[in-house]
Amino acid sequence: MDLIARIADVIIPVFLIVAIGYGYARRRPPDLTVFNRIALDVLAPVLVYSALAAKDFRLADHVPLLIGGTVLILGGGLLAWPLARAFGAQPRTLVPVVMFNNCGNMGLPLAL
C-alpha cells in the first residue's frame, strides 16, 4: 500500500498538470512561437553548457556507454532499413526516426 501511495504522489501531479494544460489550451489556444524559439536558441544551449561545465569528464570512464550507444543507434538503423523496404515505407523517412528517437524524458517522473 505504501508503494502505491508513493507512485501516486509522483503520477497524480503529472496528470493534474497535463489536465490543466489541456483545459487551458481548449479554451484559449496559446501561441508558443516566441517561447519555443527562446527555449531552443537560448535555454537549451545554456542547459547543456551548465550540465557539462559542472562535471569533470574523462573519456576513458565513458567508453562502455559510448560503445553501447553506438551499437544501439547503428543496430536500430540496420534493423529498420530492411523492415522499411519490406513494408513499403521510405527508408529515408523511417530509419532516422528509429535510430534517433526522443523518448528519454518519458520515464523521468517515475524515476523521481
PDB file of N, CA and C in Angstrom:
ATOM      1  N   MET A   1       0.825  -1.197   0.000  1.00  0.00           N
ATOM      2  CA  MET A   1       0.000   0.000   0.000  1.00  0.00           C
ATOM      3  C   MET A   1       0.870   1.263   0.000  1.00  0.00           C
ATOM      4  N   ASP A   2       1.999   1.209   0.706  1.00  0.00           N
ATOM      5  CA  ASP A   2       2.905   2.349   0.754  1.00  0.00           C
ATOM      6  C   ASP A   2       3.505   2.614  -0.625  1.00  0.00           C
ATOM      7  N   LEU A   3       3.779   1.541  -1.371  1.00  0.00           N
ATOM      8  CA  LEU A   3       4.330   1.688  -2.715  1.00  0.00           C
ATOM      9  C   LEU A   3       3.329   2.385  -3.638  1.00  0.00           C
ATOM     10  N   ILE A   4       2.069   2.021  -3.540  1.00  0.00           N
ATOM     11  CA  ILE A   4       1.031   2.648  -4.360  1.00  0.00           C
ATOM     12  C   ILE A   4       0.907   4.131  -4.030  1.00  0.00           C
ATOM     13  N   ALA A   5       0.998   4.466  -2.749  1.00  0.00           N
ATOM     14  CA  ALA A   5       0.922   5.873  -2.350  1.00  0.00           C
ATOM     15  C   ALA A   5       2.122   6.656  -2.876  1.00  0.00           C
ATOM     16  N   ARG A   6       3.286   6.054  -2.858  1.00  0.00           N
ATOM     17  CA  ARG A   6       4.487   6.735  -3.371  1.00  0.00           C
ATOM     18  C   ARG A   6       4.389   6.958  -4.873  1.00  0.00           C
ATOM     19  N   ILE A   7       3.892   5.954  -5.588  1.00  0.00           N
ATOM     20  CA  ILE A   7       3.732   6.095  -7.036  1.00  0.00           C
ATOM     21  C   ILE A   7       2.671   7.150  -7.342  1.00  0.00           C
ATOM     22  N   ALA A   8       1.576   7.130  -6.597  1.00  0.00           N
ATOM     23  CA  ALA A   8       0.508   8.114  -6.800  1.00  0.00           C
ATOM     24  C   ALA A   8       1.011   9.530  -6.525  1.00  0.00           C
ATOM     25  N   ASP A   9       1.892   9.695  -5.535  1.00  0.00           N
ATOM     26  CA  ASP A   9       2.447  11.019  -5.228  1.00  0.00           C
ATOM     27  C   ASP A   9       3.235  11.585  -6.399  1.00  0.00           C
ATOM     28  N   VAL A  10       3.795  10.723  -7.232  1.00  0.00           N
ATOM     29  CA  VAL A  10       4.556  11.178  -8.392  1.00  0.00           C
ATOM     30  C   VAL A  10       3.653  11.339  -9.610  1.00  0.00           C
ATOM     31  N   ILE A  11       2.760  10.407  -9.835  1.00  0.00           N
ATOM     32  CA  ILE A  11       1.977  10.387 -11.070  1.00  0.00           C
ATOM     33  C   ILE A  11       0.806  11.368 -11.045  1.00  0.00           C
ATOM     34  N   ILE A  12       0.125  11.495  -9.922  1.00  0.00           N
ATOM     35  CA  ILE A  12      -1.064  12.367  -9.855  1.00  0.00           C
ATOM     36  C   ILE A  12      -0.731  13.820 -10.188  1.00  0.00           C
ATOM     37  N   PRO A  13       0.343  14.420  -9.658  1.00  0.00           N
ATOM     38  CA  PRO A  13       0.652  15.799 -10.076  1.00  0.00           C
ATOM     39  C   PRO A  13       0.933  15.932 -11.569  1.00  0.00           C
ATOM     40  N   VAL A  14       1.547  14.921 -12.163  1.00  0.00           N
ATOM     41  CA  VAL A  14       1.805  14.967 -13.607  1.00  0.00           C
ATOM     42  C   VAL A  14       0.487  15.002 -14.369  1.00  0.00           C
ATOM     43  N   PHE A  15      -0.455  14.130 -14.003  1.00  0.00           N
ATOM     44  CA  PHE A  15      -1.748  14.119 -14.675  1.00  0.00           C
ATOM     45  C   PHE A  15      -2.531  15.409 -14.432  1.00  0.00           C
ATOM     46  N   LEU A  16      -2.417  15.976 -13.241  1.00  0.00           N
ATOM     47  CA  LEU A  16      -3.101  17.242 -12.968  1.00  0.00           C
ATOM     48  C   LEU A  16      -2.544  18.377 -13.826  1.00  0.00           C
ATOM     49  N   ILE A  17      -1.246  18.427 -13.961  1.00  0.00           N
ATOM     50  CA  ILE A  17      -0.630  19.466 -14.785  1.00  0.00           C
ATOM     51  C   ILE A  17      -1.044  19.297 -16.249  1.00  0.00           C
ATOM     52  N   VAL A  18      -1.059  18.058 -16.714  1.00  0.00           N
ATOM     53  CA  VAL A  18      -1.497  17.794 -18.089  1.00  0.00           C
ATOM     54  C   VAL A  18      -2.955  18.203 -18.272  1.00  0.00           C
ATOM     55  N   ALA A  19      -3.812  17.880 -17.311  1.00  0.00           N
ATOM     56  CA  ALA A  19      -5.228  18.231 -17.418  1.00  0.00           C
ATOM     57  C   ALA A  19      -5.423  19.745 -17.420  1.00  0.00           C
ATOM     58  N   ILE A  20      -4.691  20.450 -16.587  1.00  0.00           N
ATOM     59  CA  ILE A  20      -4.788  21.915 -16.560  1.00  0.00           C
ATOM     60  C   ILE A  20      -4.337  22.502 -17.893  1.00  0.00           C
ATOM     61  N   GLY A  21      -3.227  22.004 -18.420  1.00  0.00           N
ATOM     62  CA  GLY A  21      -2.739  22.479 -19.714  1.00  0.00           C
ATOM     63  C   GLY A  21      -3.709  22.179 -20.833  1.00  0.00           C
ATOM     64  N   TYR A  22      -4.300  21.004 -20.819  1.00  0.00           N
ATOM     65  CA  TYR A  22      -5.281  20.633 -21.843  1.00  0.00           C
ATOM     66  C   TYR A  22      -6.509  21.541 -21.761  1.00  0.00           C
ATOM     67  N   GLY A  23      -7.001  21.760 -20.543  1.00  0.00           N
ATOM     68  CA  GLY A  23      -8.169  22.623 -20.371  1.00  0.00           C
ATOM     69  C   GLY A  23      -7.901  24.051 -20.808  1.00  0.00           C
ATOM     70  N   TYR A  24      -6.733  24.555 -20.465  1.00  0.00           N
ATOM     71  CA  TYR A  24      -6.377  25.922 -20.862  1.00  0.00           C
ATOM     72  C   TYR A  24      -6.262  26.035 -22.383  1.00  0.00           C
ATOM     73  N   ALA A  25      -5.621  25.062 -22.999  1.00  0.00           N
ATOM     74  CA  ALA A  25      -5.432  25.105 -24.452  1.00  0.00           C
ATOM     75  C   ALA A  25      -6.756  24.960 -25.198  1.00  0.00           C
ATOM     76  N   ARG A  26      -7.710  24.251 -24.620  1.00  0.00           N
ATOM     77  CA  ARG A  26      -9.026  24.125 -25.269  1.00  0.00           C
ATOM     78  C   ARG A  26      -9.783  25.452 -25.235  1.00  0.00           C
ATOM     79  N   ARG A  27      -9.641  26.211 -24.161  1.00  0.00           N
ATOM     80  CA  ARG A  27     -10.347  27.491 -24.035  1.00  0.00           C
ATOM     81  C   ARG A  27      -9.646  28.599 -24.817  1.00  0.00           C
ATOM     82  N   ARG A  28      -8.328  28.615 -24.734  1.00  0.00           N
ATOM     83  CA  ARG A  28      -7.561  29.704 -25.353  1.00  0.00           C
ATOM     84  C   ARG A  28      -6.283  29.113 -25.940  1.00  0.00           C
ATOM     85  N   PRO A  29      -6.289  28.781 -27.213  1.00  0.00           N
ATOM     86  CA  PRO A  29      -5.099  28.186 -27.826  1.00  0.00           C
ATOM     87  C   PRO A  29      -3.890  29.116 -27.695  1.00  0.00           C
ATOM     88  N   PRO A  30      -2.838  28.661 -27.048  1.00  0.00           N
ATOM     89  CA  PRO A  30      -1.684  29.536 -26.825  1.00  0.00           C
ATOM     90  C   PRO A  30      -0.795  29.623 -28.066  1.00  0.00           C
ATOM     91  N   ASP A  31      -0.134  30.753 -28.221  1.00  0.00           N
ATOM     92  CA  ASP A  31       0.855  30.930 -29.276  1.00  0.00           C
ATOM     93  C   ASP A  31       2.233  30.795 -28.634  1.00  0.00           C
ATOM     94  N   LEU A  32       2.858  29.669 -28.839  1.00  0.00           N
ATOM     95  CA  LEU A  32       4.131  29.376 -28.191  1.00  0.00           C
ATOM     96  C   LEU A  32       5.332  29.600 -29.105  1.00  0.00           C
ATOM     97  N   THR A  33       5.158  30.311 -30.176  1.00  0.00           N
ATOM     98  CA  THR A  33       6.234  30.505 -31.143  1.00  0.00           C
ATOM     99  C   THR A  33       7.442  31.188 -30.509  1.00  0.00           C
ATOM    100  N   VAL A  34       7.211  32.276 -29.802  1.00  0.00           N
ATOM    101  CA  VAL A  34       8.312  33.017 -29.193  1.00  0.00           C
ATOM    102  C   VAL A  34       8.973  32.187 -28.101  1.00  0.00           C
ATOM    103  N   PHE A  35       8.172  31.555 -27.264  1.00  0.00           N
ATOM    104  CA  PHE A  35       8.736  30.738 -26.187  1.00  0.00           C
ATOM    105  C   PHE A  35       9.569  29.587 -26.755  1.00  0.00           C
ATOM    106  N   ASN A  36       9.070  28.913 -27.783  1.00  0.00           N
ATOM    107  CA  ASN A  36       9.814  27.813 -28.390  1.00  0.00           C
ATOM    108  C   ASN A  36      11.134  28.292 -28.978  1.00  0.00           C
ATOM    109  N   ARG A  37      11.129  29.443 -29.609  1.00  0.00           N
ATOM    110  CA  ARG A  37      12.360  29.980 -30.186  1.00  0.00           C
ATOM    111  C   ARG A  37      13.368  30.287 -29.089  1.00  0.00           C
ATOM    112  N   ILE A  38      12.931  30.897 -27.985  1.00  0.00           N
ATOM    113  CA  ILE A  38      13.828  31.195 -26.866  1.00  0.00           C
ATOM    114  C   ILE A  38      14.349  29.906 -26.243  1.00  0.00           C
ATOM    115  N   ALA A  39      13.467  28.926 -26.072  1.00  0.00           N
ATOM    116  CA  ALA A  39      13.884  27.659 -25.465  1.00  0.00           C
ATOM    117  C   ALA A  39      14.928  26.954 -26.318  1.00  0.00           C
ATOM    118  N   LEU A  40      14.746  26.960 -27.616  1.00  0.00           N
ATOM    119  CA  LEU A  40      15.691  26.272 -28.497  1.00  0.00           C
ATOM    120  C   LEU A  40      16.981  27.050 -28.693  1.00  0.00           C
ATOM    121  N   ASP A  41      16.890  28.352 -28.832  1.00  0.00           N
ATOM    122  CA  ASP A  41      18.075  29.148 -29.157  1.00  0.00           C
ATOM    123  C   ASP A  41      18.887  29.574 -27.941  1.00  0.00           C
ATOM    124  N   VAL A  42      18.240  29.696 -26.787  1.00  0.00           N
ATOM    125  CA  VAL A  42      18.947  30.201 -25.605  1.00  0.00           C
ATOM    126  C   VAL A  42      19.001  29.169 -24.485  1.00  0.00           C
ATOM    127  N   LEU A  43      17.841  28.687 -24.062  1.00  0.00           N
ATOM    128  CA  LEU A  43      17.793  27.862 -22.859  1.00  0.00           C
ATOM    129  C   LEU A  43      18.413  26.476 -23.048  1.00  0.00           C
ATOM    130  N   ALA A  44      18.200  25.844 -24.186  1.00  0.00           N
ATOM    131  CA  ALA A  44      18.776  24.514 -24.404  1.00  0.00           C
ATOM    132  C   ALA A  44      20.304  24.553 -24.402  1.00  0.00           C
ATOM    133  N   PRO A  45      20.951  25.484 -25.131  1.00  0.00           N
ATOM    134  CA  PRO A  45      22.414  25.536 -25.047  1.00  0.00           C
ATOM    135  C   PRO A  45      22.931  25.866 -23.647  1.00  0.00           C
ATOM    136  N   VAL A  46      22.225  26.720 -22.924  1.00  0.00           N
ATOM    137  CA  VAL A  46      22.644  27.044 -21.557  1.00  0.00           C
ATOM    138  C   VAL A  46      22.540  25.808 -20.668  1.00  0.00           C
ATOM    139  N   LEU A  47      21.482  25.034 -20.831  1.00  0.00           N
ATOM    140  CA  LEU A  47      21.316  23.812 -20.048  1.00  0.00           C
ATOM    141  C   LEU A  47      22.425  22.809 -20.339  1.00  0.00           C
ATOM    142  N   VAL A  48      22.730  22.625 -21.603  1.00  0.00           N
ATOM    143  CA  VAL A  48      23.804  21.696 -21.977  1.00  0.00           C
ATOM    144  C   VAL A  48      25.133  22.187 -21.422  1.00  0.00           C
ATOM    145  N   TYR A  49      25.422  23.469 -21.568  1.00  0.00           N
ATOM    146  CA  TYR A  49      26.676  24.014 -21.053  1.00  0.00           C
ATOM    147  C   TYR A  49      26.778  23.855 -19.545  1.00  0.00           C
ATOM    148  N   SER A  50      25.708  24.170 -18.828  1.00  0.00           N
ATOM    149  CA  SER A  50      25.770  24.080 -17.363  1.00  0.00           C
ATOM    150  C   SER A  50      25.940  22.627 -16.914  1.00  0.00           C
ATOM    151  N   ALA A  51      25.326  21.692 -17.618  1.00  0.00           N
ATOM    152  CA  ALA A  51      25.481  20.280 -17.265  1.00  0.00           C
ATOM    153  C   ALA A  51      26.899  19.810 -17.531  1.00  0.00           C
ATOM    154  N   LEU A  52      27.478  20.243 -18.638  1.00  0.00           N
ATOM    155  CA  LEU A  52      28.838  19.814 -18.974  1.00  0.00           C
ATOM    156  C   LEU A  52      29.891  20.526 -18.133  1.00  0.00           C
ATOM    157  N   ALA A  53      29.671  21.780 -17.821  1.00  0.00           N
ATOM    158  CA  ALA A  53      30.657  22.545 -17.061  1.00  0.00           C
ATOM    159  C   ALA A  53      30.688  22.146 -15.589  1.00  0.00           C
ATOM    160  N   ALA A  54      29.615  21.561 -15.091  1.00  0.00           N
ATOM    161  CA  ALA A  54      29.536  21.226 -13.675  1.00  0.00           C
ATOM    162  C   ALA A  54      30.260  19.931 -13.327  1.00  0.00           C
ATOM    163  N   LYS A  55      30.618  19.131 -14.320  1.00  0.00           N
ATOM    164  CA  LYS A  55      31.226  17.828 -14.054  1.00  0.00           C
ATOM    165  C   LYS A  55      32.574  17.729 -14.740  1.00  0.00           C
ATOM    166  N   ASP A  56      33.430  16.920 -14.133  1.00  0.00           N
ATOM    167  CA  ASP A  56      34.700  16.585 -14.752  1.00  0.00           C
ATOM    168  C   ASP A  56      34.470  15.406 -15.686  1.00  0.00           C
ATOM    169  N   PHE A  57      34.964  15.475 -16.898  1.00  0.00           N
ATOM    170  CA  PHE A  57      34.693  14.437 -17.898  1.00  0.00           C
ATOM    171  C   PHE A  57      35.991  13.768 -18.317  1.00  0.00           C
ATOM    172  N   ARG A  58      36.025  12.460 -18.164  1.00  0.00           N
ATOM    173  CA  ARG A  58      37.139  11.655 -18.647  1.00  0.00           C
ATOM    174  C   ARG A  58      36.584  10.671 -19.660  1.00  0.00           C
ATOM    175  N   LEU A  59      37.048  10.747 -20.879  1.00  0.00           N
ATOM    176  CA  LEU A  59      36.529   9.919 -21.955  1.00  0.00           C
ATOM    177  C   LEU A  59      36.688   8.432 -21.637  1.00  0.00           C
ATOM    178  N   ALA A  60      37.761   8.042 -21.015  1.00  0.00           N
ATOM    179  CA  ALA A  60      38.004   6.632 -20.717  1.00  0.00           C
ATOM    180  C   ALA A  60      36.948   6.057 -19.769  1.00  0.00           C
ATOM    181  N   ASP A  61      36.372   6.881 -18.923  1.00  0.00           N
ATOM    182  CA  ASP A  61      35.329   6.414 -17.998  1.00  0.00           C
ATOM    183  C   ASP A  61      34.021   6.094 -18.717  1.00  0.00           C
ATOM    184  N   HIS A  62      33.841   6.623 -19.914  1.00  0.00           N
ATOM    185  CA  HIS A  62      32.565   6.502 -20.611  1.00  0.00           C
ATOM    186  C   HIS A  62      32.635   5.630 -21.863  1.00  0.00           C
ATOM    187  N   VAL A  63      33.716   4.914 -22.048  1.00  0.00           N
ATOM    188  CA  VAL A  63      33.855   4.068 -23.239  1.00  0.00           C
ATOM    189  C   VAL A  63      32.744   3.018 -23.328  1.00  0.00           C
ATOM    190  N   PRO A  64      32.395   2.295 -22.249  1.00  0.00           N
ATOM    191  CA  PRO A  64      31.295   1.326 -22.379  1.00  0.00           C
ATOM    192  C   PRO A  64      29.971   1.982 -22.786  1.00  0.00           C
ATOM    193  N   LEU A  65      29.693   3.156 -22.263  1.00  0.00           N
ATOM    194  CA  LEU A  65      28.477   3.875 -22.633  1.00  0.00           C
ATOM    195  C   LEU A  65      28.505   4.296 -24.099  1.00  0.00           C
ATOM    196  N   LEU A  66      29.644   4.768 -24.568  1.00  0.00           N
ATOM    197  CA  LEU A  66      29.775   5.156 -25.972  1.00  0.00           C
ATOM    198  C   LEU A  66      29.614   3.960 -26.898  1.00  0.00           C
ATOM    199  N   ILE A  67      30.202   2.829 -26.525  1.00  0.00           N
ATOM    200  CA  ILE A  67      30.070   1.626 -27.346  1.00  0.00           C
ATOM    201  C   ILE A  67      28.616   1.158 -27.359  1.00  0.00           C
ATOM    202  N   GLY A  68      27.974   1.134 -26.201  1.00  0.00           N
ATOM    203  CA  GLY A  68      26.578   0.721 -26.125  1.00  0.00           C
ATOM    204  C   GLY A  68      25.662   1.630 -26.932  1.00  0.00           C
ATOM    205  N   GLY A  69      25.869   2.928 -26.837  1.00  0.00           N
ATOM    206  CA  GLY A  69      25.057   3.873 -27.611  1.00  0.00           C
ATOM    207  C   GLY A  69      25.257   3.698 -29.105  1.00  0.00           C
ATOM    208  N   THR A  70      26.501   3.490 -29.510  1.00  0.00           N
ATOM    209  CA  THR A  70      26.792   3.279 -30.932  1.00  0.00           C
ATOM    210  C   THR A  70      26.136   2.009 -31.443  1.00  0.00           C
ATOM    211  N   VAL A  71      26.215   0.931 -30.651  1.00  0.00           N
ATOM    212  CA  VAL A  71      25.594  -0.333 -31.056  1.00  0.00           C
ATOM    213  C   VAL A  71      24.074  -0.170 -31.167  1.00  0.00           C
ATOM    214  N   LEU A  72      23.457   0.521 -30.213  1.00  0.00           N
ATOM    215  CA  LEU A  72      22.009   0.728 -30.268  1.00  0.00           C
ATOM    216  C   LEU A  72      21.588   1.567 -31.470  1.00  0.00           C
ATOM    217  N   ILE A  73      22.298   2.643 -31.717  1.00  0.00           N
ATOM    218  CA  ILE A  73      21.930   3.520 -32.828  1.00  0.00           C
ATOM    219  C   ILE A  73      22.121   2.810 -34.164  1.00  0.00           C
ATOM    220  N   LEU A  74      23.305   2.233 -34.369  1.00  0.00           N
ATOM    221  CA  LEU A  74      23.558   1.561 -35.638  1.00  0.00           C
ATOM    222  C   LEU A  74      22.731   0.290 -35.782  1.00  0.00           C
ATOM    223  N   GLY A  75      22.546  -0.435 -34.687  1.00  0.00           N
ATOM    224  CA  GLY A  75      21.730  -1.647 -34.737  1.00  0.00           C
ATOM    225  C   GLY A  75      20.287  -1.345 -35.090  1.00  0.00           C
ATOM    226  N   GLY A  76      19.748  -0.274 -34.518  1.00  0.00           N
ATOM    227  CA  GLY A  76      18.385   0.124 -34.853  1.00  0.00           C
ATOM    228  C   GLY A  76      18.254   0.492 -36.322  1.00  0.00           C
ATOM    229  N   GLY A  77      19.247   1.198 -36.835  1.00  0.00           N
ATOM    230  CA  GLY A  77      19.233   1.557 -38.248  1.00  0.00           C
ATOM    231  C   GLY A  77      19.346   0.343 -39.147  1.00  0.00           C
ATOM    232  N   LEU A  78      20.210  -0.601 -38.781  1.00  0.00           N
ATOM    233  CA  LEU A  78      20.370  -1.816 -39.591  1.00  0.00           C
ATOM    234  C   LEU A  78      19.118  -2.681 -39.569  1.00  0.00           C
ATOM    235  N   LEU A  79      18.373  -2.657 -38.478  1.00  0.00           N
ATOM    236  CA  LEU A  79      17.106  -3.400 -38.437  1.00  0.00           C
ATOM    237  C   LEU A  79      15.980  -2.657 -39.155  1.00  0.00           C
ATOM    238  N   ALA A  80      15.979  -1.337 -39.066  1.00  0.00           N
ATOM    239  CA  ALA A  80      14.898  -0.552 -39.663  1.00  0.00           C
ATOM    240  C   ALA A  80      14.979  -0.501 -41.179  1.00  0.00           C
ATOM    241  N   TRP A  81      16.176  -0.527 -41.729  1.00  0.00           N
ATOM    242  CA  TRP A  81      16.324  -0.413 -43.183  1.00  0.00           C
ATOM    243  C   TRP A  81      15.610  -1.542 -43.921  1.00  0.00           C
ATOM    244  N   PRO A  82      15.882  -2.826 -43.614  1.00  0.00           N
ATOM    245  CA  PRO A  82      15.164  -3.886 -44.340  1.00  0.00           C
ATOM    246  C   PRO A  82      13.665  -3.918 -44.008  1.00  0.00           C
ATOM    247  N   LEU A  83      13.301  -3.557 -42.767  1.00  0.00           N
ATOM    248  CA  LEU A  83      11.882  -3.523 -42.430  1.00  0.00           C
ATOM    249  C   LEU A  83      11.144  -2.447 -43.220  1.00  0.00           C
ATOM    250  N   ALA A  84      11.771  -1.300 -43.398  1.00  0.00           N
ATOM    251  CA  ALA A  84      11.155  -0.227 -44.187  1.00  0.00           C
ATOM    252  C   ALA A  84      10.952  -0.683 -45.625  1.00  0.00           C
ATOM    253  N   ARG A  85      11.943  -1.329 -46.189  1.00  0.00           N
ATOM    254  CA  ARG A  85      11.816  -1.802 -47.561  1.00  0.00           C
ATOM    255  C   ARG A  85      10.775  -2.909 -47.665  1.00  0.00           C
ATOM    256  N   ALA A  86      10.716  -3.789 -46.660  1.00  0.00           N
ATOM    257  CA  ALA A  86       9.769  -4.902 -46.693  1.00  0.00           C
ATOM    258  C   ALA A  86       8.324  -4.420 -46.591  1.00  0.00           C
ATOM    259  N   PHE A  87       8.085  -3.357 -45.838  1.00  0.00           N
ATOM    260  CA  PHE A  87       6.718  -2.870 -45.653  1.00  0.00           C
ATOM    261  C   PHE A  87       6.371  -1.695 -46.560  1.00  0.00           C
ATOM    262  N   GLY A  88       7.261  -1.339 -47.461  1.00  0.00           N
ATOM    263  CA  GLY A  88       6.972  -0.300 -48.438  1.00  0.00           C
ATOM    264  C   GLY A  88       7.118   1.119 -47.927  1.00  0.00           C
ATOM    265  N   ALA A  89       7.735   1.302 -46.774  1.00  0.00           N
ATOM    266  CA  ALA A  89       7.959   2.656 -46.254  1.00  0.00           C
ATOM    267  C   ALA A  89       9.253   3.216 -46.843  1.00  0.00           C
ATOM    268  N   GLN A  90       9.361   4.526 -46.870  1.00  0.00           N
ATOM    269  CA  GLN A  90      10.583   5.155 -47.349  1.00  0.00           C
ATOM    270  C   GLN A  90      11.683   5.008 -46.296  1.00  0.00           C
ATOM    271  N   PRO A  91      12.783   4.330 -46.601  1.00  0.00           N
ATOM    272  CA  PRO A  91      13.861   4.192 -45.605  1.00  0.00           C
ATOM    273  C   PRO A  91      14.416   5.530 -45.138  1.00  0.00           C
ATOM    274  N   ARG A  92      14.454   6.526 -46.025  1.00  0.00           N
ATOM    275  CA  ARG A  92      14.971   7.841 -45.629  1.00  0.00           C
ATOM    276  C   ARG A  92      14.081   8.517 -44.594  1.00  0.00           C
ATOM    277  N   THR A  93      12.832   8.085 -44.508  1.00  0.00           N
ATOM    278  CA  THR A  93      11.901   8.635 -43.536  1.00  0.00           C
ATOM    279  C   THR A  93      11.896   7.836 -42.246  1.00  0.00           C
ATOM    280  N   LEU A  94      11.907   6.517 -42.343  1.00  0.00           N
ATOM    281  CA  LEU A  94      11.760   5.660 -41.167  1.00  0.00           C
ATOM    282  C   LEU A  94      13.059   5.453 -40.394  1.00  0.00           C
ATOM    283  N   VAL A  95      14.155   5.234 -41.092  1.00  0.00           N
ATOM    284  CA  VAL A  95      15.404   4.844 -40.424  1.00  0.00           C
ATOM    285  C   VAL A  95      15.905   5.903 -39.429  1.00  0.00           C
ATOM    286  N   PRO A  96      15.955   7.195 -39.773  1.00  0.00           N
ATOM    287  CA  PRO A  96      16.415   8.172 -38.772  1.00  0.00           C
ATOM    288  C   PRO A  96      15.527   8.237 -37.529  1.00  0.00           C
ATOM    289  N   VAL A  97      14.222   8.047 -37.714  1.00  0.00           N
ATOM    290  CA  VAL A  97      13.308   8.078 -36.573  1.00  0.00           C
ATOM    291  C   VAL A  97      13.584   6.909 -35.633  1.00  0.00           C
ATOM    292  N   VAL A  98      13.884   5.762 -36.190  1.00  0.00           N
ATOM    293  CA  VAL A  98      14.190   4.593 -35.362  1.00  0.00           C
ATOM    294  C   VAL A  98      15.557   4.761 -34.686  1.00  0.00           C
ATOM    295  N   MET A  99      16.502   5.303 -35.407  1.00  0.00           N
ATOM    296  CA  MET A  99      17.854   5.447 -34.857  1.00  0.00           C
ATOM    297  C   MET A  99      17.938   6.515 -33.767  1.00  0.00           C
ATOM    298  N   PHE A 100      17.228   7.609 -33.941  1.00  0.00           N
ATOM    299  CA  PHE A 100      17.363   8.758 -33.033  1.00  0.00           C
ATOM    300  C   PHE A 100      16.008   9.150 -32.459  1.00  0.00           C
ATOM    301  N   ASN A 101      15.339   8.233 -31.769  1.00  0.00           N
ATOM    302  CA  ASN A 101      14.034   8.559 -31.200  1.00  0.00           C
ATOM    303  C   ASN A 101      14.198   9.413 -29.946  1.00  0.00           C
ATOM    304  N   ASN A 102      13.165  10.119 -29.598  1.00  0.00           N
ATOM    305  CA  ASN A 102      13.207  11.045 -28.467  1.00  0.00           C
ATOM    306  C   ASN A 102      12.271  10.532 -27.371  1.00  0.00           C
ATOM    307  N   CYS A 103      12.759   9.586 -26.603  1.00  0.00           N
ATOM    308  CA  CYS A 103      11.929   9.048 -25.532  1.00  0.00           C
ATOM    309  C   CYS A 103      12.650   9.110 -24.186  1.00  0.00           C
ATOM    310  N   GLY A 104      13.692   9.889 -24.103  1.00  0.00           N
ATOM    311  CA  GLY A 104      14.467   9.955 -22.872  1.00  0.00           C
ATOM    312  C   GLY A 104      13.714  10.552 -21.699  1.00  0.00           C
ATOM    313  N   ASN A 105      12.796  11.461 -21.933  1.00  0.00           N
ATOM    314  CA  ASN A 105      12.116  12.152 -20.842  1.00  0.00           C
ATOM    315  C   ASN A 105      10.861  11.427 -20.360  1.00  0.00           C
ATOM    316  N   MET A 106      10.468  10.356 -21.025  1.00  0.00           N
ATOM    317  CA  MET A 106       9.213   9.705 -20.669  1.00  0.00           C
ATOM    318  C   MET A 106       9.246   9.105 -19.258  1.00  0.00           C
ATOM    319  N   GLY A 107      10.361   8.596 -18.824  1.00  0.00           N
ATOM    320  CA  GLY A 107      10.425   7.944 -17.523  1.00  0.00           C
ATOM    321  C   GLY A 107      10.901   8.825 -16.388  1.00  0.00           C
ATOM    322  N   LEU A 108      11.171  10.086 -16.656  1.00  0.00           N
ATOM    323  CA  LEU A 108      11.716  10.947 -15.601  1.00  0.00           C
ATOM    324  C   LEU A 108      10.799  11.103 -14.399  1.00  0.00           C
ATOM    325  N   PRO A 109       9.476  11.322 -14.559  1.00  0.00           N
ATOM    326  CA  PRO A 109       8.639  11.432 -13.364  1.00  0.00           C
ATOM    327  C   PRO A 109       8.631  10.150 -12.547  1.00  0.00           C
ATOM    328  N   LEU A 110       8.665   8.994 -13.199  1.00  0.00           N
ATOM    329  CA  LEU A 110       8.700   7.748 -12.454  1.00  0.00           C
ATOM    330  C   LEU A 110      10.059   7.513 -11.804  1.00  0.00           C
ATOM    331  N   ALA A 111      11.116   7.962 -12.473  1.00  0.00           N
ATOM    332  CA  ALA A 111      12.453   7.797 -11.901  1.00  0.00           C
ATOM    333  C   ALA A 111      12.644   8.671 -10.677  1.00  0.00           C
ATOM    334  N   LEU A 112      11.888   9.754 -10.605  1.00  0.00           N
ATOM    335  CA  LEU A 112      11.963  10.654  -9.447  1.00  0.00           C
ATOM    336  C   LEU A 112      11.625   9.879  -8.191  1.00  0.00           C
TER     337      LEU A 112
END
